[in-house]
């Protein structure tokens, strides 16, 4: 993973946690706690799946034979 690739990974990870967190806070503060929780869970899971698909899935994780 090069320097630019690490930066993209970190930005995707941060965005996947921070953006849904801010949205949850916003919805909860105006009285839509269930919607805020649904937005946070769906955003967090989407980020996890995207990170898995782009960076983790292509890794060759085989041990020595």
C-alpha atoms as a PDB file:
ATOM      1  CA  UNK A   1       0.000   0.000   0.000  1.00  0.00           C
ATOM      2  CA  UNK A   2       1.587   3.270  -1.111  1.00  0.00           C
ATOM      3  CA  UNK A   3       1.412   6.602   0.698  1.00  0.00           C
ATOM      4  CA  UNK A   4      -1.546   7.839  -1.339  1.00  0.00           C
ATOM      5  CA  UNK A   5      -3.355   4.562  -0.891  1.00  0.00           C
ATOM      6  CA  UNK A   6      -2.926   4.734   2.889  1.00  0.00           C
ATOM      7  CA  UNK A   7      -4.324   8.265   2.860  1.00  0.00           C
ATOM      8  CA  UNK A   8      -7.362   7.141   0.860  1.00  0.00           C
ATOM      9  CA  UNK A   9      -7.903   4.213   3.245  1.00  0.00           C
ATOM     10  CA  UNK A  10      -7.692   6.496   6.287  1.00  0.00           C
ATOM     11  CA  UNK A  11     -10.047   9.040   4.734  1.00  0.00           C
ATOM     12  CA  UNK A  12     -12.589   6.328   3.860  1.00  0.00           C
ATOM     13  CA  UNK A  13     -12.368   4.885   7.367  1.00  0.00           C
ATOM     14  CA  UNK A  14     -12.759   8.307   8.993  1.00  0.00           C
ATOM     15  CA  UNK A  15     -15.633   9.290   6.716  1.00  0.00           C
ATOM     16  CA  UNK A  16     -17.369   5.985   7.413  1.00  0.00           C
ATOM     17  CA  UNK A  17     -17.369   6.717  11.140  1.00  0.00           C
ATOM     18  CA  UNK A  18     -17.538  10.514  11.323  1.00  0.00           C
ATOM     19  CA  UNK A  19     -20.235  11.289   8.732  1.00  0.00           C
ATOM     20  CA  UNK A  20     -22.793   8.775  10.056  1.00  0.00           C
ATOM     21  CA  UNK A  21     -21.950   9.887  13.601  1.00  0.00           C
ATOM     22  CA  UNK A  22     -22.685  13.540  12.824  1.00  0.00           C
ATOM     23  CA  UNK A  23     -25.885  12.578  11.026  1.00  0.00           C
ATOM     24  CA  UNK A  24     -26.997  10.480  14.002  1.00  0.00           C
ATOM     25  CA  UNK A  25     -26.287  13.378  16.341  1.00  0.00           C
ATOM     26  CA  UNK A  26     -28.255  15.753  14.136  1.00  0.00           C
ATOM     27  CA  UNK A  27     -31.298  13.509  13.832  1.00  0.00           C
ATOM     28  CA  UNK A  28     -31.236  12.631  17.532  1.00  0.00           C
ATOM     29  CA  UNK A  29     -31.001  16.273  18.573  1.00  0.00           C
ATOM     30  CA  UNK A  30     -34.141  17.186  16.598  1.00  0.00           C
ATOM     31  CA  UNK A  31     -36.094  14.272  18.064  1.00  0.00           C
ATOM     32  CA  UNK A  32     -35.663  11.493  15.499  1.00  0.00           C
ATOM     33  CA  UNK A  33     -33.595   9.065  17.567  1.00  0.00           C
ATOM     34  CA  UNK A  34     -34.678   5.926  15.685  1.00  0.00           C
ATOM     35  CA  UNK A  35     -33.921   7.517  12.315  1.00  0.00           C
ATOM     36  CA  UNK A  36     -30.553   8.697  13.621  1.00  0.00           C
ATOM     37  CA  UNK A  37     -29.677   5.194  14.759  1.00  0.00           C
ATOM     38  CA  UNK A  38     -30.777   3.704  11.426  1.00  0.00           C
ATOM     39  CA  UNK A  39     -28.673   6.247   9.513  1.00  0.00           C
ATOM     40  CA  UNK A  40     -25.628   5.563  11.700  1.00  0.00           C
ATOM     41  CA  UNK A  41     -25.905   1.777  11.385  1.00  0.00           C
ATOM     42  CA  UNK A  42     -26.461   1.850   7.629  1.00  0.00           C
ATOM     43  CA  UNK A  43     -23.631   4.347   7.077  1.00  0.00           C
ATOM     44  CA  UNK A  44     -21.221   2.414   9.267  1.00  0.00           C
ATOM     45  CA  UNK A  45     -22.052  -0.916   7.590  1.00  0.00           C
ATOM     46  CA  UNK A  46     -21.732   0.634   4.142  1.00  0.00           C
ATOM     47  CA  UNK A  47     -18.281   1.938   5.047  1.00  0.00           C
ATOM     48  CA  UNK A  48     -17.213  -1.454   6.406  1.00  0.00           C
ATOM     49  CA  UNK A  49     -18.398  -3.234   3.259  1.00  0.00           C
ATOM     50  CA  UNK A  50     -16.732  -0.681   0.967  1.00  0.00           C
ATOM     51  CA  UNK A  51     -13.416  -0.928   2.853  1.00  0.00           C
ATOM     52  CA  UNK A  52     -13.592  -4.718   2.751  1.00  0.00           C
ATOM     53  CA  UNK A  53     -14.393  -4.766  -0.966  1.00  0.00           C
ATOM     54  CA  UNK A  54     -11.724  -2.249  -2.041  1.00  0.00           C
ATOM     55  CA  UNK A  55      -8.802  -2.960   0.310  1.00  0.00           C
ATOM     56  CA  UNK A  56      -9.190  -6.201   2.258  1.00  0.00           C
ATOM     57  CA  UNK A  57     -10.781  -8.608  -0.238  1.00  0.00           C
ATOM     58  CA  UNK A  58      -7.919  -8.368  -2.798  1.00  0.00           C
ATOM     59  CA  UNK A  59      -5.248  -9.252  -0.183  1.00  0.00           C
ATOM     60  CA  UNK A  60      -3.582 -12.627  -0.524  1.00  0.00           C
ATOM     61  CA  UNK A  61      -3.749 -13.953   3.030  1.00  0.00           C
ATOM     62  CA  UNK A  62      -2.283 -17.411   2.470  1.00  0.00           C
ATOM     63  CA  UNK A  63       0.451 -18.751   4.648  1.00  0.00           C
ATOM     64  CA  UNK A  64       3.603 -20.491   3.483  1.00  0.00           C
ATOM     65  CA  UNK A  65       3.041 -23.933   1.998  1.00  0.00           C
END
